[in-house]
N, C-alpha and C. Protein backbone atom coordinates (compact mmCIF):
# COMPACT_ATOMS: atom_id res chain seq x y z
N MET A 1 0.87 -1.19 0.00
CA MET A 1 0.00 0.00 0.00
C MET A 1 0.90 1.23 0.00
N PRO A 2 0.72 2.12 -0.96
CA PRO A 2 1.60 3.29 -1.04
C PRO A 2 1.43 4.21 0.16
N GLU A 3 2.54 4.80 0.56
CA GLU A 3 2.46 5.74 1.68
C GLU A 3 1.78 7.02 1.22
N VAL A 4 0.98 7.55 2.08
CA VAL A 4 0.28 8.80 1.78
C VAL A 4 0.93 9.91 2.59
N GLU A 5 1.34 10.91 1.90
CA GLU A 5 1.98 12.04 2.59
C GLU A 5 0.92 12.82 3.34
N MET A 6 1.08 12.91 4.66
CA MET A 6 0.13 13.65 5.49
C MET A 6 0.62 15.07 5.66
N LYS A 7 -0.22 16.00 5.32
CA LYS A 7 0.14 17.41 5.48
C LYS A 7 -0.69 18.01 6.61
N SER A 8 0.00 18.66 7.50
CA SER A 8 -0.72 19.30 8.60
C SER A 8 -1.48 20.51 8.08
N ALA A 9 -2.60 20.76 8.71
CA ALA A 9 -3.41 21.91 8.32
C ALA A 9 -2.66 23.18 8.63
N PRO A 10 -2.75 24.17 7.78
CA PRO A 10 -2.07 25.43 8.05
C PRO A 10 -2.63 26.07 9.32
N PRO A 11 -1.80 26.77 10.07
CA PRO A 11 -2.29 27.41 11.30
C PRO A 11 -3.41 28.38 10.99
N ARG A 12 -4.41 28.34 11.84
CA ARG A 12 -5.56 29.23 11.64
C ARG A 12 -5.15 30.67 11.90
N LYS A 13 -5.49 31.51 10.96
CA LYS A 13 -5.13 32.92 11.10
C LYS A 13 -6.07 33.59 12.09
N ARG A 14 -5.50 34.52 12.84
CA ARG A 14 -6.32 35.29 13.76
C ARG A 14 -7.13 36.30 12.97
N GLY A 15 -8.41 36.38 13.27
CA GLY A 15 -9.26 37.34 12.59
C GLY A 15 -9.08 38.73 13.16
N PRO A 16 -9.65 39.71 12.49
CA PRO A 16 -9.50 41.10 12.96
C PRO A 16 -10.09 41.31 14.34
N TYR A 17 -11.17 40.59 14.67
CA TYR A 17 -11.78 40.75 16.00
C TYR A 17 -10.83 40.28 17.08
N GLN A 18 -10.18 39.12 16.85
CA GLN A 18 -9.23 38.59 17.82
C GLN A 18 -8.04 39.53 18.00
N ARG A 19 -7.51 40.04 16.89
CA ARG A 19 -6.38 40.97 17.00
C ARG A 19 -6.79 42.24 17.75
N SER A 20 -8.01 42.72 17.47
CA SER A 20 -8.49 43.92 18.14
C SER A 20 -8.65 43.68 19.63
N ARG A 21 -9.17 42.51 20.00
CA ARG A 21 -9.34 42.20 21.41
C ARG A 21 -8.00 42.10 22.12
N GLU A 22 -7.02 41.48 21.46
CA GLU A 22 -5.70 41.37 22.06
C GLU A 22 -5.04 42.74 22.22
N ARG A 23 -5.25 43.60 21.23
CA ARG A 23 -4.68 44.94 21.32
C ARG A 23 -5.30 45.72 22.48
N ARG A 24 -6.61 45.61 22.64
CA ARG A 24 -7.29 46.29 23.74
C ARG A 24 -6.78 45.77 25.08
N GLU A 25 -6.55 44.47 25.14
CA GLU A 25 -6.04 43.87 26.37
C GLU A 25 -4.65 44.42 26.70
N GLN A 26 -3.80 44.51 25.72
CA GLN A 26 -2.45 45.05 25.93
C GLN A 26 -2.51 46.50 26.41
N ILE A 27 -3.41 47.25 25.85
CA ILE A 27 -3.55 48.66 26.22
C ILE A 27 -4.02 48.80 27.66
N VAL A 28 -5.03 48.03 28.03
CA VAL A 28 -5.58 48.12 29.39
C VAL A 28 -4.54 47.69 30.42
N LEU A 29 -3.81 46.62 30.15
CA LEU A 29 -2.77 46.18 31.09
C LEU A 29 -1.68 47.25 31.23
N ALA A 30 -1.39 47.94 30.14
CA ALA A 30 -0.41 49.02 30.21
C ALA A 30 -0.91 50.15 31.10
N VAL A 31 -2.19 50.46 31.01
CA VAL A 31 -2.76 51.52 31.86
C VAL A 31 -2.63 51.13 33.33
N ILE A 32 -2.97 49.88 33.66
CA ILE A 32 -2.88 49.44 35.06
C ILE A 32 -1.44 49.53 35.56
N ASP A 33 -0.49 49.11 34.75
CA ASP A 33 0.93 49.20 35.14
C ASP A 33 1.32 50.66 35.43
N LEU A 34 0.89 51.56 34.57
CA LEU A 34 1.26 52.96 34.73
C LEU A 34 0.57 53.58 35.94
N VAL A 35 -0.67 53.21 36.19
CA VAL A 35 -1.36 53.70 37.40
C VAL A 35 -0.61 53.24 38.64
N ASP A 36 -0.23 51.97 38.68
CA ASP A 36 0.49 51.44 39.83
C ASP A 36 1.83 52.15 40.03
N GLU A 37 2.52 52.43 38.94
CA GLU A 37 3.85 53.01 39.03
C GLU A 37 3.84 54.52 39.25
N LEU A 38 2.93 55.22 38.55
CA LEU A 38 3.00 56.67 38.51
C LEU A 38 1.81 57.38 39.15
N GLY A 39 0.69 56.67 39.28
CA GLY A 39 -0.54 57.33 39.70
C GLY A 39 -1.35 57.76 38.49
N HIS A 40 -2.67 57.82 38.65
CA HIS A 40 -3.53 58.08 37.50
C HIS A 40 -3.30 59.45 36.87
N ASP A 41 -2.90 60.44 37.67
CA ASP A 41 -2.75 61.79 37.14
C ASP A 41 -1.58 61.90 36.16
N ARG A 42 -0.64 60.97 36.22
CA ARG A 42 0.52 61.03 35.32
C ARG A 42 0.40 60.06 34.14
N VAL A 43 -0.74 59.40 34.04
CA VAL A 43 -0.99 58.54 32.87
C VAL A 43 -1.33 59.41 31.67
N THR A 44 -0.68 59.14 30.54
CA THR A 44 -0.97 59.86 29.30
C THR A 44 -1.21 58.85 28.18
N THR A 45 -1.91 59.27 27.16
CA THR A 45 -2.15 58.36 26.03
C THR A 45 -0.84 58.01 25.34
N ALA A 46 0.09 58.96 25.31
CA ALA A 46 1.40 58.68 24.70
C ALA A 46 2.15 57.63 25.53
N GLY A 47 2.07 57.76 26.86
CA GLY A 47 2.73 56.79 27.72
C GLY A 47 2.12 55.40 27.60
N VAL A 48 0.80 55.35 27.48
CA VAL A 48 0.12 54.07 27.31
C VAL A 48 0.51 53.43 25.98
N ALA A 49 0.59 54.25 24.95
CA ALA A 49 0.99 53.74 23.63
C ALA A 49 2.39 53.13 23.70
N ALA A 50 3.31 53.84 24.33
CA ALA A 50 4.68 53.33 24.42
C ALA A 50 4.74 52.05 25.23
N ARG A 51 4.01 51.99 26.36
CA ARG A 51 4.06 50.82 27.22
C ARG A 51 3.40 49.60 26.56
N SER A 52 2.38 49.83 25.76
CA SER A 52 1.64 48.71 25.16
C SER A 52 2.17 48.31 23.79
N GLY A 53 3.17 49.05 23.29
CA GLY A 53 3.69 48.75 21.97
C GLY A 53 2.74 49.14 20.86
N SER A 54 1.93 50.16 21.09
CA SER A 54 0.97 50.63 20.10
C SER A 54 1.33 52.05 19.69
N SER A 55 0.66 52.53 18.69
CA SER A 55 0.77 53.94 18.36
C SER A 55 -0.31 54.70 19.14
N GLU A 56 -0.09 55.99 19.33
CA GLU A 56 -1.09 56.78 20.05
C GLU A 56 -2.43 56.81 19.31
N PRO A 57 -2.45 56.94 17.97
CA PRO A 57 -3.74 56.87 17.26
C PRO A 57 -4.46 55.53 17.49
N THR A 58 -3.70 54.43 17.61
CA THR A 58 -4.33 53.13 17.87
C THR A 58 -4.98 53.12 19.25
N VAL A 59 -4.28 53.66 20.23
CA VAL A 59 -4.84 53.74 21.58
C VAL A 59 -6.13 54.53 21.57
N LEU A 60 -6.13 55.67 20.90
CA LEU A 60 -7.31 56.53 20.87
C LEU A 60 -8.42 55.95 20.00
N TYR A 61 -8.08 55.08 19.08
CA TYR A 61 -9.11 54.38 18.29
C TYR A 61 -9.92 53.46 19.19
N HIS A 62 -9.23 52.77 20.09
CA HIS A 62 -9.92 51.84 20.98
C HIS A 62 -10.54 52.54 22.19
N TYR A 63 -9.86 53.57 22.69
CA TYR A 63 -10.33 54.30 23.87
C TYR A 63 -10.20 55.79 23.57
N PRO A 64 -11.33 56.47 23.32
CA PRO A 64 -11.29 57.83 22.78
C PRO A 64 -10.68 58.90 23.68
N SER A 65 -10.50 58.61 24.96
CA SER A 65 -9.94 59.62 25.86
C SER A 65 -9.21 58.95 27.02
N LYS A 66 -8.47 59.75 27.76
CA LYS A 66 -7.79 59.23 28.94
C LYS A 66 -8.80 58.67 29.94
N ASP A 67 -9.94 59.33 30.09
CA ASP A 67 -10.95 58.84 31.03
C ASP A 67 -11.45 57.45 30.62
N HIS A 68 -11.64 57.23 29.33
CA HIS A 68 -12.05 55.91 28.87
C HIS A 68 -10.99 54.86 29.21
N LEU A 69 -9.74 55.23 29.08
CA LEU A 69 -8.65 54.31 29.44
C LEU A 69 -8.69 53.96 30.92
N LEU A 70 -8.89 54.96 31.77
CA LEU A 70 -8.89 54.74 33.21
C LEU A 70 -10.08 53.90 33.64
N VAL A 71 -11.23 54.13 33.03
CA VAL A 71 -12.42 53.32 33.35
C VAL A 71 -12.18 51.87 32.94
N ALA A 72 -11.60 51.66 31.77
CA ALA A 72 -11.30 50.30 31.32
C ALA A 72 -10.34 49.61 32.29
N ALA A 73 -9.40 50.37 32.83
CA ALA A 73 -8.47 49.79 33.80
C ALA A 73 -9.20 49.35 35.07
N LEU A 74 -10.13 50.18 35.55
CA LEU A 74 -10.90 49.80 36.74
C LEU A 74 -11.74 48.56 36.48
N GLU A 75 -12.33 48.49 35.30
CA GLU A 75 -13.14 47.31 34.96
C GLU A 75 -12.28 46.04 34.99
N ARG A 76 -11.08 46.15 34.47
CA ARG A 76 -10.19 44.98 34.45
C ARG A 76 -9.74 44.62 35.86
N ILE A 77 -9.46 45.62 36.69
CA ILE A 77 -9.09 45.35 38.08
C ILE A 77 -10.22 44.63 38.80
N ASP A 78 -11.45 45.05 38.54
CA ASP A 78 -12.60 44.38 39.15
C ASP A 78 -12.68 42.92 38.71
N ASP A 79 -12.37 42.67 37.43
CA ASP A 79 -12.41 41.29 36.93
C ASP A 79 -11.38 40.42 37.64
N ASN A 80 -10.26 41.03 38.02
CA ASN A 80 -9.16 40.27 38.63
C ASN A 80 -9.33 40.06 40.13
N GLU A 81 -10.19 40.86 40.73
CA GLU A 81 -10.33 40.80 42.18
C GLU A 81 -11.75 40.37 42.54
N ALA A 82 -11.89 39.18 43.13
CA ALA A 82 -13.20 38.72 43.56
C ALA A 82 -13.67 39.60 44.71
N GLU A 83 -14.95 40.03 44.67
CA GLU A 83 -15.46 40.90 45.72
C GLU A 83 -15.71 40.12 47.01
N LEU A 84 -16.48 39.04 46.89
CA LEU A 84 -16.75 38.19 48.05
C LEU A 84 -16.96 36.78 47.53
N SER A 85 -16.05 35.88 47.86
CA SER A 85 -16.11 34.54 47.31
C SER A 85 -17.35 33.78 47.76
N GLN A 86 -17.94 34.18 48.87
CA GLN A 86 -19.10 33.49 49.41
C GLN A 86 -20.40 33.94 48.77
N ALA A 87 -20.37 34.84 47.79
CA ALA A 87 -21.58 35.48 47.30
C ALA A 87 -22.21 34.75 46.12
N ASP A 88 -21.65 33.63 45.69
CA ASP A 88 -22.14 32.98 44.48
C ASP A 88 -23.50 32.32 44.66
N SER A 89 -23.78 31.84 45.84
CA SER A 89 -25.00 31.06 46.06
C SER A 89 -26.10 31.92 46.65
N ASP A 90 -27.35 31.66 46.23
CA ASP A 90 -28.49 32.37 46.80
C ASP A 90 -28.71 31.99 48.26
N GLU A 91 -28.14 30.87 48.68
CA GLU A 91 -28.29 30.40 50.05
C GLU A 91 -27.15 30.88 50.94
N ALA A 92 -26.24 31.68 50.41
CA ALA A 92 -25.08 32.12 51.17
C ALA A 92 -25.50 33.04 52.32
N ILE A 93 -24.70 33.03 53.37
CA ILE A 93 -24.92 33.89 54.53
C ILE A 93 -23.68 34.76 54.71
N LEU A 94 -23.89 36.02 54.96
CA LEU A 94 -22.76 36.93 55.16
C LEU A 94 -21.99 36.54 56.41
N ASP A 95 -20.74 36.17 56.24
CA ASP A 95 -19.85 35.82 57.34
C ASP A 95 -19.10 37.09 57.73
N LEU A 96 -19.38 37.60 58.91
CA LEU A 96 -18.80 38.88 59.32
C LEU A 96 -17.29 38.79 59.53
N GLU A 97 -16.79 37.62 59.90
CA GLU A 97 -15.35 37.49 60.06
C GLU A 97 -14.64 37.50 58.70
N VAL A 98 -15.27 36.89 57.70
CA VAL A 98 -14.73 36.96 56.34
C VAL A 98 -14.78 38.40 55.85
N LEU A 99 -15.89 39.08 56.10
CA LEU A 99 -16.01 40.48 55.70
C LEU A 99 -14.93 41.33 56.35
N ARG A 100 -14.69 41.10 57.63
CA ARG A 100 -13.66 41.85 58.35
C ARG A 100 -12.29 41.66 57.68
N SER A 101 -12.01 40.43 57.25
CA SER A 101 -10.69 40.12 56.70
C SER A 101 -10.47 40.72 55.31
N VAL A 102 -11.55 40.96 54.57
CA VAL A 102 -11.40 41.50 53.21
C VAL A 102 -11.79 42.97 53.11
N ALA A 103 -12.24 43.55 54.23
CA ALA A 103 -12.82 44.89 54.17
C ALA A 103 -11.82 45.98 53.84
N ASP A 104 -10.58 45.81 54.29
CA ASP A 104 -9.60 46.87 54.11
C ASP A 104 -8.92 46.74 52.76
N PRO A 105 -9.30 47.56 51.77
CA PRO A 105 -8.71 47.43 50.43
C PRO A 105 -7.24 47.80 50.38
N PHE A 106 -6.75 48.49 51.41
CA PHE A 106 -5.34 48.87 51.43
C PHE A 106 -4.43 47.66 51.64
N ARG A 107 -5.00 46.55 52.07
CA ARG A 107 -4.22 45.32 52.23
C ARG A 107 -4.06 44.57 50.91
N THR A 108 -4.98 44.79 49.99
CA THR A 108 -4.99 44.00 48.75
C THR A 108 -4.81 44.83 47.49
N SER A 109 -4.89 46.14 47.60
CA SER A 109 -4.81 46.99 46.41
C SER A 109 -3.85 48.14 46.69
N SER A 110 -3.21 48.63 45.64
CA SER A 110 -2.28 49.74 45.80
C SER A 110 -3.04 51.03 46.07
N GLU A 111 -2.38 51.94 46.78
CA GLU A 111 -3.03 53.22 47.08
C GLU A 111 -3.32 53.98 45.79
N ASN A 112 -2.47 53.83 44.78
CA ASN A 112 -2.72 54.51 43.51
C ASN A 112 -4.02 54.02 42.86
N ARG A 113 -4.32 52.73 42.98
CA ARG A 113 -5.57 52.22 42.42
C ARG A 113 -6.77 52.77 43.18
N LEU A 114 -6.63 52.88 44.49
CA LEU A 114 -7.73 53.41 45.29
C LEU A 114 -7.97 54.89 44.98
N ARG A 115 -6.89 55.63 44.79
CA ARG A 115 -7.05 57.04 44.44
C ARG A 115 -7.71 57.19 43.05
N LEU A 116 -7.38 56.29 42.15
CA LEU A 116 -8.03 56.29 40.84
C LEU A 116 -9.53 56.04 41.01
N PHE A 117 -9.88 55.08 41.85
CA PHE A 117 -11.29 54.75 42.09
C PHE A 117 -12.04 55.98 42.64
N VAL A 118 -11.44 56.62 43.64
CA VAL A 118 -12.09 57.78 44.27
C VAL A 118 -12.24 58.92 43.26
N MET A 119 -11.20 59.17 42.49
CA MET A 119 -11.25 60.26 41.51
C MET A 119 -12.36 60.03 40.49
N LEU A 120 -12.41 58.83 39.93
CA LEU A 120 -13.43 58.56 38.92
C LEU A 120 -14.83 58.50 39.52
N LYS A 121 -14.93 58.04 40.76
CA LYS A 121 -16.23 58.01 41.43
C LYS A 121 -16.81 59.42 41.51
N GLY A 122 -15.96 60.40 41.84
CA GLY A 122 -16.43 61.78 41.89
C GLY A 122 -16.81 62.31 40.52
N GLN A 123 -16.02 61.99 39.50
CA GLN A 123 -16.31 62.49 38.16
C GLN A 123 -17.52 61.80 37.53
N ALA A 124 -17.87 60.63 38.04
CA ALA A 124 -19.01 59.90 37.48
C ALA A 124 -20.32 60.65 37.65
N ALA A 125 -20.35 61.62 38.57
CA ALA A 125 -21.56 62.41 38.77
C ALA A 125 -21.79 63.40 37.62
N THR A 126 -20.77 63.62 36.81
CA THR A 126 -20.91 64.53 35.66
C THR A 126 -21.68 63.82 34.55
N PRO A 127 -22.78 64.38 34.09
CA PRO A 127 -23.57 63.72 33.03
C PRO A 127 -22.72 63.42 31.80
N GLY A 128 -22.83 62.21 31.30
CA GLY A 128 -22.10 61.82 30.10
C GLY A 128 -20.68 61.35 30.33
N HIS A 129 -20.21 61.39 31.57
CA HIS A 129 -18.84 60.94 31.83
C HIS A 129 -18.76 59.43 31.62
N PRO A 130 -17.67 58.93 31.03
CA PRO A 130 -17.57 57.48 30.76
C PRO A 130 -17.57 56.61 32.02
N ALA A 131 -17.31 57.20 33.18
CA ALA A 131 -17.32 56.41 34.41
C ALA A 131 -18.73 56.21 34.97
N ALA A 132 -19.71 56.97 34.47
CA ALA A 132 -21.06 56.91 35.05
C ALA A 132 -21.67 55.52 34.93
N ASP A 133 -21.63 54.94 33.76
CA ASP A 133 -22.23 53.61 33.57
C ASP A 133 -21.47 52.55 34.37
N TYR A 134 -20.15 52.69 34.41
CA TYR A 134 -19.34 51.72 35.16
C TYR A 134 -19.74 51.70 36.63
N PHE A 135 -19.83 52.87 37.26
CA PHE A 135 -20.14 52.91 38.68
C PHE A 135 -21.59 52.54 38.95
N ALA A 136 -22.50 52.90 38.05
CA ALA A 136 -23.90 52.49 38.23
C ALA A 136 -24.01 50.98 38.22
N GLY A 137 -23.33 50.33 37.26
CA GLY A 137 -23.36 48.88 37.19
C GLY A 137 -22.67 48.23 38.37
N ARG A 138 -21.56 48.81 38.80
CA ARG A 138 -20.81 48.25 39.93
C ARG A 138 -21.64 48.32 41.21
N THR A 139 -22.33 49.45 41.40
CA THR A 139 -23.17 49.59 42.59
C THR A 139 -24.32 48.59 42.57
N ARG A 140 -24.96 48.42 41.42
CA ARG A 140 -26.05 47.45 41.33
C ARG A 140 -25.55 46.04 41.68
N HIS A 141 -24.39 45.71 41.16
CA HIS A 141 -23.83 44.38 41.41
C HIS A 141 -23.50 44.19 42.89
N SER A 142 -22.88 45.19 43.51
CA SER A 142 -22.50 45.10 44.92
C SER A 142 -23.73 45.02 45.81
N VAL A 143 -24.73 45.83 45.50
CA VAL A 143 -25.97 45.81 46.30
C VAL A 143 -26.66 44.46 46.18
N ALA A 144 -26.68 43.90 44.98
CA ALA A 144 -27.31 42.59 44.78
C ALA A 144 -26.60 41.51 45.60
N ILE A 145 -25.26 41.56 45.62
CA ILE A 145 -24.49 40.59 46.41
C ILE A 145 -24.83 40.70 47.89
N PHE A 146 -24.77 41.91 48.43
CA PHE A 146 -25.02 42.08 49.85
C PHE A 146 -26.48 41.80 50.20
N SER A 147 -27.38 42.10 49.29
CA SER A 147 -28.79 41.80 49.55
C SER A 147 -28.98 40.30 49.77
N ARG A 148 -28.36 39.47 48.91
CA ARG A 148 -28.47 38.02 49.07
C ARG A 148 -27.82 37.56 50.38
N LEU A 149 -26.67 38.13 50.71
CA LEU A 149 -25.96 37.70 51.91
C LEU A 149 -26.69 38.12 53.18
N ILE A 150 -27.28 39.31 53.18
CA ILE A 150 -28.03 39.77 54.34
C ILE A 150 -29.32 38.98 54.48
N ALA A 151 -29.97 38.66 53.35
CA ALA A 151 -31.17 37.81 53.41
C ALA A 151 -30.82 36.46 54.02
N GLY A 152 -29.63 35.97 53.75
CA GLY A 152 -29.18 34.72 54.36
C GLY A 152 -29.09 34.84 55.88
N ARG A 153 -28.60 35.99 56.36
CA ARG A 153 -28.53 36.20 57.80
C ARG A 153 -29.93 36.33 58.39
N GLN A 154 -30.86 36.89 57.64
CA GLN A 154 -32.24 36.96 58.12
C GLN A 154 -32.83 35.56 58.27
N ARG A 155 -32.60 34.70 57.28
CA ARG A 155 -33.12 33.33 57.36
C ARG A 155 -32.52 32.57 58.54
N ALA A 156 -31.27 32.91 58.87
CA ALA A 156 -30.60 32.23 59.96
C ALA A 156 -30.92 32.84 61.33
N GLY A 157 -31.76 33.88 61.35
CA GLY A 157 -32.12 34.52 62.60
C GLY A 157 -31.06 35.45 63.15
N LEU A 158 -30.11 35.85 62.29
CA LEU A 158 -29.02 36.73 62.73
C LEU A 158 -29.27 38.19 62.40
N ALA A 159 -30.22 38.47 61.53
CA ALA A 159 -30.59 39.84 61.16
C ALA A 159 -32.09 39.99 61.30
N HIS A 160 -32.54 41.19 61.55
CA HIS A 160 -33.96 41.43 61.80
C HIS A 160 -34.78 41.10 60.55
N PRO A 161 -35.80 40.23 60.68
CA PRO A 161 -36.57 39.80 59.51
C PRO A 161 -37.45 40.89 58.91
N GLY A 162 -37.71 41.95 59.66
CA GLY A 162 -38.58 43.00 59.15
C GLY A 162 -37.89 44.03 58.29
N LEU A 163 -36.57 43.93 58.17
CA LEU A 163 -35.82 44.90 57.37
C LEU A 163 -35.81 44.51 55.90
N ASP A 164 -35.75 45.51 55.03
CA ASP A 164 -35.63 45.28 53.60
C ASP A 164 -34.16 45.01 53.28
N ALA A 165 -33.84 43.80 52.86
CA ALA A 165 -32.45 43.42 52.62
C ALA A 165 -31.80 44.30 51.56
N ASP A 166 -32.56 44.72 50.55
CA ASP A 166 -31.98 45.58 49.51
C ASP A 166 -31.56 46.93 50.07
N LEU A 167 -32.41 47.51 50.94
CA LEU A 167 -32.08 48.81 51.52
C LEU A 167 -30.88 48.70 52.46
N VAL A 168 -30.85 47.65 53.25
CA VAL A 168 -29.70 47.45 54.14
C VAL A 168 -28.42 47.26 53.31
N ALA A 169 -28.52 46.51 52.22
CA ALA A 169 -27.37 46.27 51.36
C ALA A 169 -26.84 47.58 50.79
N ARG A 170 -27.73 48.46 50.37
CA ARG A 170 -27.30 49.75 49.83
C ARG A 170 -26.58 50.56 50.90
N GLN A 171 -27.09 50.51 52.12
CA GLN A 171 -26.44 51.24 53.22
C GLN A 171 -25.06 50.66 53.53
N VAL A 172 -24.95 49.35 53.47
CA VAL A 172 -23.65 48.71 53.74
C VAL A 172 -22.63 49.09 52.67
N VAL A 173 -23.04 49.07 51.41
CA VAL A 173 -22.13 49.44 50.32
C VAL A 173 -21.68 50.89 50.50
N ALA A 174 -22.62 51.78 50.84
CA ALA A 174 -22.28 53.19 51.04
C ALA A 174 -21.30 53.34 52.21
N LEU A 175 -21.53 52.59 53.28
CA LEU A 175 -20.63 52.65 54.43
C LEU A 175 -19.23 52.19 54.05
N TRP A 176 -19.14 51.08 53.34
CA TRP A 176 -17.83 50.54 52.95
C TRP A 176 -17.06 51.53 52.07
N GLU A 177 -17.76 52.09 51.08
CA GLU A 177 -17.09 53.06 50.21
C GLU A 177 -16.68 54.29 51.00
N GLY A 178 -17.57 54.78 51.87
CA GLY A 178 -17.25 55.96 52.65
C GLY A 178 -16.05 55.77 53.56
N LEU A 179 -15.96 54.61 54.20
CA LEU A 179 -14.81 54.32 55.06
C LEU A 179 -13.52 54.24 54.24
N THR A 180 -13.62 53.68 53.04
CA THR A 180 -12.44 53.59 52.18
C THR A 180 -11.96 54.98 51.78
N PHE A 181 -12.89 55.85 51.39
CA PHE A 181 -12.51 57.22 51.01
C PHE A 181 -11.88 57.95 52.20
N MET A 182 -12.48 57.79 53.38
CA MET A 182 -11.97 58.46 54.57
C MET A 182 -10.56 58.00 54.91
N ARG A 183 -10.31 56.70 54.69
CA ARG A 183 -9.01 56.13 55.06
C ARG A 183 -7.87 56.74 54.24
N LEU A 184 -8.16 57.22 53.05
CA LEU A 184 -7.11 57.80 52.20
C LEU A 184 -6.47 59.02 52.85
N THR A 185 -7.24 59.75 53.66
CA THR A 185 -6.70 60.95 54.30
C THR A 185 -6.60 60.80 55.81
N ASP A 186 -7.16 59.71 56.35
CA ASP A 186 -7.12 59.48 57.79
C ASP A 186 -6.88 57.99 58.04
N PRO A 187 -5.62 57.57 58.05
CA PRO A 187 -5.31 56.13 58.15
C PRO A 187 -5.42 55.54 59.55
N GLY A 188 -5.84 56.32 60.52
CA GLY A 188 -5.77 55.86 61.90
C GLY A 188 -6.98 55.11 62.39
N PHE A 189 -7.60 54.28 61.58
CA PHE A 189 -8.71 53.46 62.07
C PHE A 189 -8.77 52.16 61.29
N ASP A 190 -9.51 51.20 61.83
CA ASP A 190 -9.63 49.85 61.27
C ASP A 190 -10.92 49.77 60.46
N ILE A 191 -10.80 49.74 59.13
CA ILE A 191 -11.98 49.67 58.27
C ILE A 191 -12.80 48.42 58.58
N GLY A 192 -12.14 47.28 58.73
CA GLY A 192 -12.85 46.03 58.94
C GLY A 192 -13.73 46.07 60.18
N GLN A 193 -13.19 46.56 61.29
CA GLN A 193 -13.96 46.59 62.54
C GLN A 193 -15.14 47.54 62.43
N LEU A 194 -14.92 48.73 61.87
CA LEU A 194 -16.02 49.69 61.72
C LEU A 194 -17.09 49.18 60.77
N LEU A 195 -16.68 48.50 59.71
CA LEU A 195 -17.66 47.98 58.77
C LEU A 195 -18.51 46.88 59.41
N VAL A 196 -17.87 45.97 60.11
CA VAL A 196 -18.62 44.89 60.77
C VAL A 196 -19.57 45.47 61.81
N ASP A 197 -19.10 46.43 62.60
CA ASP A 197 -19.99 47.07 63.58
C ASP A 197 -21.19 47.71 62.89
N GLY A 198 -20.92 48.36 61.75
CA GLY A 198 -22.00 49.00 61.00
C GLY A 198 -23.00 48.00 60.46
N VAL A 199 -22.51 46.89 59.92
CA VAL A 199 -23.41 45.85 59.40
C VAL A 199 -24.31 45.32 60.51
N ARG A 200 -23.75 45.12 61.69
CA ARG A 200 -24.55 44.61 62.80
C ARG A 200 -25.67 45.58 63.16
N ARG A 201 -25.35 46.86 63.18
CA ARG A 201 -26.38 47.85 63.52
C ARG A 201 -27.41 47.97 62.40
N LEU A 202 -26.94 48.07 61.17
CA LEU A 202 -27.86 48.27 60.04
C LEU A 202 -28.78 47.07 59.83
N SER A 203 -28.29 45.88 60.14
CA SER A 203 -29.09 44.67 59.91
C SER A 203 -29.91 44.27 61.13
N GLY A 204 -29.84 45.05 62.20
CA GLY A 204 -30.62 44.74 63.39
C GLY A 204 -30.11 43.56 64.19
N GLU A 205 -28.84 43.22 64.01
CA GLU A 205 -28.29 42.07 64.73
C GLU A 205 -28.31 42.29 66.24
N ASN A 206 -28.06 43.53 66.66
CA ASN A 206 -28.06 43.82 68.09
C ASN A 206 -29.44 43.58 68.69
N VAL A 207 -30.48 43.95 67.94
CA VAL A 207 -31.85 43.73 68.40
C VAL A 207 -32.13 42.24 68.51
N MET A 208 -31.71 41.47 67.48
CA MET A 208 -31.95 40.02 67.47
C MET A 208 -31.22 39.36 68.64
N SER A 209 -30.01 39.82 68.93
CA SER A 209 -29.25 39.26 70.05
C SER A 209 -29.95 39.55 71.37
N ALA A 210 -30.48 40.76 71.49
CA ALA A 210 -31.19 41.13 72.73
C ALA A 210 -32.45 40.28 72.89
N LEU A 211 -33.17 40.05 71.80
CA LEU A 211 -34.38 39.24 71.88
C LEU A 211 -34.06 37.80 72.27
N THR A 212 -32.96 37.28 71.69
CA THR A 212 -32.56 35.91 72.00
C THR A 212 -32.18 35.79 73.47
N THR A 213 -31.49 36.78 73.99
CA THR A 213 -31.07 36.77 75.40
C THR A 213 -32.27 36.85 76.33
N ALA A 214 -33.30 37.63 75.92
CA ALA A 214 -34.47 37.84 76.76
C ALA A 214 -35.36 36.61 76.85
N ILE A 215 -35.27 35.74 75.82
CA ILE A 215 -36.14 34.54 75.80
C ILE A 215 -35.68 33.51 76.83
């Protein structure tokens, strides 16, 4: 039987969408590197182009302004950092000791990233700013997570059953963000302890504990 020459299939070429996605990825990673090294105020489109191996027009084609670049960097940072690993299940219960351990972002994130977050959070209030949709979506996601976790504490008898879990969740998210902003200029307090104390008060845990003791 004659031998048949087997030819391997030629490598599949990357399409324009794949190349575009890879280029965007390189650009965003360059922004994060520059924020970590220099701070957001010293990030420039020219610097991002040089760091990512792109031209400045290419950077601006994908991200029309510096603000768009910074928002994309925050989105990628969020993708890399799990907010609360226990939040995946509808049956999850907020573990206050876990919350205490992850509450202080200064332990897990650079101060430059936190300053970027605070700066864009303030600018997001400007109508039409590219950060507005990002923060609106982030807040909805965070509130939904805490709502499920607080509802879990209600089912377990650890939080007051008459409270609206969504409203409590919104208050908890606001407290966490507020403590983080305050810590940037006043480092002399423990975010984790204050946040846990706040969750207990907002969720009526102190009332539930008193009722249990009285029975």
